[in-house]
Amino acid sequence: MKKTIAVIAVAMIVAVVLAATPEQPRRTLAVTGTAEVSVKPDICYTSFGVETIHKKSAREAYRANAELMNALSAAVKATGIAPKDIQTSGFTVTPQYRYDDDTRKRFFEGYRVYHSLDVNVRDLDKASAVLDAGMDAGATQVNNVTFAVENPKKYTADARVEAVKAAQAKAQTMADLTGVKLGKPITISESEPGGWGNYYAQSNVALERASSGEDTPSLQPGQFKLTRTVHITYEIE
């Protein structure tokens, strides 16, 4: 019985000693690899605005606006834009007032109706034609013309591969220079641009006059550089 107790006591002492021994920290090497791909835009987002004002009647301002907007929509569709790519993005009817500094009174000026229409142009060769059609049909504003990549994710698979290769090469070079042996990856992660869900890359859109001297603008879609960055931590020996 005493012998058994002694064996248990020795085992407990060994366990306590092992527990008290600090673990050796794992030696690691963390690297980052980045790669990019050049992509041509595949869609153009355009937004037209139509504003009408009537001095007495909101209904008349609305009717005038509806007439112009119907003509604008028809003109845009006539260029080959599908109905699914045309959508109202804003509509307001507001009374307008003018403030007189001398009398310090507010005077009614009429009713303002504003209607904005978003158009997605998928055939980029038609971008200028759509812009012309909208303006000729009565658009009072062009709120933006943006060339974009509608689904950037499908273009970045190659960039991801190259980013991993870049990280691996960097890790191997650092290991060779410091005299350590590269082990297996411990952690791997990837950085994505913020807001991928509705994200689109935007180029610097150049709006230039055609060389012929006509009013038709020459839209230059340019290219985008889509990036992928990976972070890899290796164990080293």
Protein backbone atom coordinates (compact mmCIF):
# COMPACT_ATOMS: atom_id res chain seq x y z
CA MET A 1 0.00 0.00 0.00
CA LYS A 2 2.82 2.40 0.90
CA LYS A 3 4.58 1.49 -2.34
CA THR A 4 1.50 2.37 -4.38
CA ILE A 5 1.17 5.72 -2.64
CA ALA A 6 4.81 6.46 -3.35
CA VAL A 7 4.39 5.73 -7.05
CA ILE A 8 1.36 8.03 -7.23
CA ALA A 9 3.26 10.78 -5.46
CA VAL A 10 6.17 10.51 -7.90
CA ALA A 11 3.76 10.64 -10.85
CA MET A 12 2.11 13.73 -9.43
CA ILE A 13 5.48 15.45 -8.97
CA VAL A 14 6.45 14.66 -12.56
CA ALA A 15 3.10 16.02 -13.81
CA VAL A 16 3.57 19.22 -11.81
CA VAL A 17 7.08 19.69 -13.18
CA LEU A 18 5.91 19.13 -16.77
CA ALA A 19 3.03 21.54 -16.28
CA ALA A 20 5.38 24.16 -14.94
CA THR A 21 7.69 23.86 -17.95
CA PRO A 22 6.83 26.68 -20.41
CA GLU A 23 5.94 25.57 -23.93
CA GLN A 24 8.33 26.59 -26.64
CA PRO A 25 6.72 29.25 -28.85
CA ARG A 26 5.97 28.13 -32.37
CA ARG A 27 8.29 29.71 -34.89
CA THR A 28 6.36 31.20 -37.82
CA LEU A 29 6.83 33.28 -40.92
CA ALA A 30 3.95 35.47 -42.12
CA VAL A 31 3.86 36.79 -45.68
CA THR A 32 1.46 38.62 -47.98
CA GLY A 33 1.07 38.17 -51.72
CA THR A 34 -0.82 40.51 -54.06
CA ALA A 35 -1.68 40.17 -57.73
CA GLU A 36 -3.91 42.09 -60.14
CA VAL A 37 -5.66 41.56 -63.45
CA SER A 38 -6.64 44.15 -66.05
CA VAL A 39 -10.29 43.95 -67.06
CA LYS A 40 -12.32 45.87 -69.61
CA PRO A 41 -15.66 47.22 -68.34
CA ASP A 42 -18.72 45.28 -69.43
CA ILE A 43 -21.53 47.68 -68.45
CA CYS A 44 -22.25 51.40 -68.41
CA TYR A 45 -24.58 52.89 -65.78
CA THR A 46 -26.32 56.09 -66.90
CA SER A 47 -28.93 58.16 -65.09
CA PHE A 48 -31.18 60.75 -66.75
CA GLY A 49 -33.25 63.37 -64.97
CA VAL A 50 -36.35 65.21 -66.16
CA GLU A 51 -37.52 68.32 -64.33
CA THR A 52 -40.73 70.25 -64.98
CA ILE A 53 -42.23 73.25 -63.16
CA HIS A 54 -45.77 74.60 -63.33
CA LYS A 55 -46.64 77.89 -61.67
CA LYS A 56 -50.12 76.91 -60.51
CA SER A 57 -50.84 73.19 -60.75
CA ALA A 58 -48.98 70.16 -59.46
CA ARG A 59 -51.09 68.03 -61.80
CA GLU A 60 -49.95 69.99 -64.85
CA ALA A 61 -46.33 69.78 -63.75
CA TYR A 62 -46.76 66.03 -63.35
CA ARG A 63 -48.42 65.62 -66.76
CA ALA A 64 -45.68 67.57 -68.50
CA ASN A 65 -43.05 65.51 -66.74
CA ALA A 66 -44.75 62.22 -67.58
CA GLU A 67 -44.95 63.20 -71.24
CA LEU A 68 -41.22 63.96 -71.38
CA MET A 69 -40.27 60.84 -69.43
CA ASN A 70 -42.39 58.60 -71.67
CA ALA A 71 -40.65 60.05 -74.70
CA LEU A 72 -37.25 59.59 -73.06
CA SER A 73 -37.97 55.95 -72.18
CA ALA A 74 -39.16 55.21 -75.69
CA ALA A 75 -36.07 56.83 -77.20
CA VAL A 76 -33.75 54.84 -74.96
CA LYS A 77 -35.55 51.58 -75.75
CA ALA A 78 -35.27 52.37 -79.46
CA THR A 79 -31.47 52.13 -79.16
CA GLY A 80 -31.83 48.47 -78.15
CA ILE A 81 -31.93 48.75 -74.36
CA ALA A 82 -34.04 46.00 -72.78
CA PRO A 83 -36.91 47.07 -70.47
CA LYS A 84 -35.27 45.21 -67.57
CA ASP A 85 -32.33 47.61 -67.80
CA ILE A 86 -34.48 50.74 -67.39
CA GLN A 87 -35.68 51.67 -63.90
CA THR A 88 -37.06 54.71 -62.11
CA SER A 89 -34.64 55.69 -59.35
CA GLY A 90 -36.37 58.79 -58.00
CA PHE A 91 -39.61 60.75 -58.24
CA THR A 92 -40.58 63.89 -56.34
CA VAL A 93 -43.30 66.56 -56.46
CA THR A 94 -42.46 69.60 -54.35
CA PRO A 95 -43.80 73.16 -54.03
CA GLN A 96 -41.27 75.88 -54.80
CA TYR A 97 -40.97 79.12 -52.84
CA ARG A 98 -38.96 82.29 -53.20
CA TYR A 99 -37.89 84.27 -50.16
CA ASP A 100 -37.86 88.05 -50.47
CA ASP A 101 -35.17 89.63 -48.31
CA ASP A 102 -36.81 93.07 -48.38
CA THR A 103 -40.26 92.03 -47.26
CA ARG A 104 -39.05 88.95 -45.39
CA LYS A 105 -41.89 87.04 -46.92
CA ARG A 106 -42.06 83.75 -48.76
CA PHE A 107 -43.76 83.68 -52.17
CA PHE A 108 -45.10 80.60 -53.90
CA GLU A 109 -43.35 79.96 -57.24
CA GLY A 110 -45.06 76.80 -58.46
CA TYR A 111 -44.71 73.03 -58.35
CA ARG A 112 -41.57 71.14 -59.30
CA VAL A 113 -41.69 67.53 -60.51
CA TYR A 114 -38.43 65.59 -60.84
CA HIS A 115 -38.13 62.07 -62.24
CA SER A 116 -34.83 60.20 -62.58
CA LEU A 117 -34.32 57.13 -64.74
CA ASP A 118 -31.43 54.67 -64.44
CA VAL A 119 -30.29 52.94 -67.64
CA ASN A 120 -27.90 49.98 -67.80
CA VAL A 121 -26.08 49.83 -71.13
CA ARG A 122 -24.61 46.37 -71.70
CA ASP A 123 -23.41 46.99 -75.25
CA LEU A 124 -20.76 49.65 -74.64
CA ASP A 125 -20.72 50.60 -78.32
CA LYS A 126 -24.19 52.05 -77.72
CA ALA A 127 -23.28 54.21 -74.72
CA SER A 128 -22.94 57.45 -76.70
CA ALA A 129 -26.08 56.67 -78.72
CA VAL A 130 -28.10 56.15 -75.54
CA LEU A 131 -26.81 59.42 -74.13
CA ASP A 132 -27.77 61.25 -77.34
CA ALA A 133 -31.21 59.64 -77.42
CA GLY A 134 -31.96 60.63 -73.83
CA MET A 135 -30.89 64.23 -74.30
CA ASP A 136 -32.72 64.61 -77.62
CA ALA A 137 -35.90 63.22 -76.03
CA GLY A 138 -35.97 65.92 -73.34
CA ALA A 139 -33.72 64.89 -70.45
CA THR A 140 -32.79 68.00 -68.47
CA GLN A 141 -29.97 66.29 -66.57
CA VAL A 142 -27.46 63.47 -66.98
CA ASN A 143 -26.62 62.60 -63.39
CA ASN A 144 -23.75 60.22 -64.08
CA VAL A 145 -22.08 58.04 -66.66
CA THR A 146 -20.15 55.21 -65.04
CA PHE A 147 -18.34 52.36 -66.76
CA ALA A 148 -18.05 49.30 -64.53
CA VAL A 149 -17.39 45.61 -64.15
CA GLU A 150 -20.77 44.16 -63.22
CA ASN A 151 -19.43 41.00 -61.55
CA PRO A 152 -15.77 41.52 -60.55
CA LYS A 153 -15.52 38.16 -58.76
CA LYS A 154 -15.55 36.10 -61.93
CA TYR A 155 -12.45 37.91 -63.18
CA THR A 156 -10.31 37.48 -60.08
CA ALA A 157 -9.70 33.69 -60.03
CA ASP A 158 -6.46 34.12 -61.95
CA ALA A 159 -5.39 36.96 -59.67
CA ARG A 160 -5.97 34.73 -56.64
CA VAL A 161 -3.69 32.03 -58.07
CA GLU A 162 -0.97 34.56 -58.80
CA ALA A 163 -1.33 36.10 -55.33
CA VAL A 164 -0.77 32.70 -53.69
CA LYS A 165 2.26 32.07 -55.89
CA ALA A 166 3.65 35.48 -54.96
CA ALA A 167 3.21 34.75 -51.26
CA GLN A 168 4.87 31.34 -51.60
CA ALA A 169 7.84 32.78 -53.49
CA LYS A 170 8.27 35.54 -50.93
CA ALA A 171 8.16 33.07 -48.04
CA GLN A 172 10.73 30.78 -49.68
CA THR A 173 13.09 33.68 -50.38
CA MET A 174 12.89 34.91 -46.79
CA ALA A 175 13.47 31.38 -45.48
CA ASP A 176 16.52 30.92 -47.68
CA LEU A 177 17.99 34.27 -46.66
CA THR A 178 17.53 33.61 -42.95
CA GLY A 179 18.66 29.97 -42.98
CA VAL A 180 15.41 28.37 -41.86
CA LYS A 181 13.33 25.59 -43.37
CA LEU A 182 9.83 26.38 -44.51
CA GLY A 183 7.11 24.15 -43.07
CA LYS A 184 3.43 23.76 -43.81
CA PRO A 185 1.02 26.74 -43.87
CA ILE A 186 -0.67 27.30 -40.51
CA THR A 187 -3.17 29.96 -41.57
CA ILE A 188 -4.34 31.22 -44.96
CA SER A 189 -6.66 34.19 -45.50
CA GLU A 190 -7.69 36.49 -48.30
CA SER A 191 -8.49 40.20 -48.42
CA GLU A 192 -11.30 41.41 -50.66
CA PRO A 193 -12.29 44.93 -51.62
CA GLY A 194 -15.01 46.28 -49.34
CA GLY A 195 -18.66 45.81 -50.30
CA TRP A 196 -18.19 43.01 -52.83
CA GLY A 197 -21.95 42.34 -52.78
CA ASN A 198 -22.82 45.42 -54.83
CA TYR A 199 -19.31 46.51 -55.57
CA TYR A 200 -18.20 47.57 -58.99
CA ALA A 201 -14.92 49.05 -60.01
CA GLN A 202 -15.14 52.51 -61.51
CA SER A 203 -12.78 53.88 -64.09
CA ASN A 204 -11.87 57.46 -64.82
CA VAL A 205 -14.45 58.18 -67.50
CA ALA A 206 -13.29 60.68 -70.08
CA LEU A 207 -16.04 62.73 -71.70
CA GLU A 208 -14.58 64.25 -74.85
CA ARG A 209 -15.94 65.91 -77.95
CA ALA A 210 -15.68 63.89 -81.12
CA SER A 211 -12.91 64.87 -83.50
CA SER A 212 -15.50 65.77 -86.13
CA GLY A 213 -16.57 68.76 -84.05
CA GLU A 214 -20.10 67.46 -83.50
CA ASP A 215 -21.80 67.64 -80.12
CA THR A 216 -21.82 63.86 -79.75
CA PRO A 217 -19.54 62.96 -76.82
CA SER A 218 -16.90 60.28 -77.13
CA LEU A 219 -17.05 58.10 -74.03
CA GLN A 220 -13.81 56.35 -73.11
CA PRO A 221 -14.46 53.31 -70.87
CA GLY A 222 -10.78 52.56 -70.11
CA GLN A 223 -9.77 49.52 -68.04
CA PHE A 224 -9.79 48.42 -64.43
CA LYS A 225 -7.21 46.67 -62.30
CA LEU A 226 -8.85 44.14 -59.97
CA THR A 227 -6.65 42.86 -57.15
CA ARG A 228 -6.47 39.88 -54.83
CA THR A 229 -4.33 39.74 -51.68
CA VAL A 230 -3.61 36.60 -49.65
CA HIS A 231 -2.03 36.28 -46.21
CA ILE A 232 -0.19 33.04 -45.36
CA THR A 233 1.55 32.08 -42.12
CA TYR A 234 4.08 29.23 -42.37
CA GLU A 235 5.62 27.18 -39.61
CA ILE A 236 9.42 27.23 -39.81
CA GLU A 237 11.97 24.76 -38.54
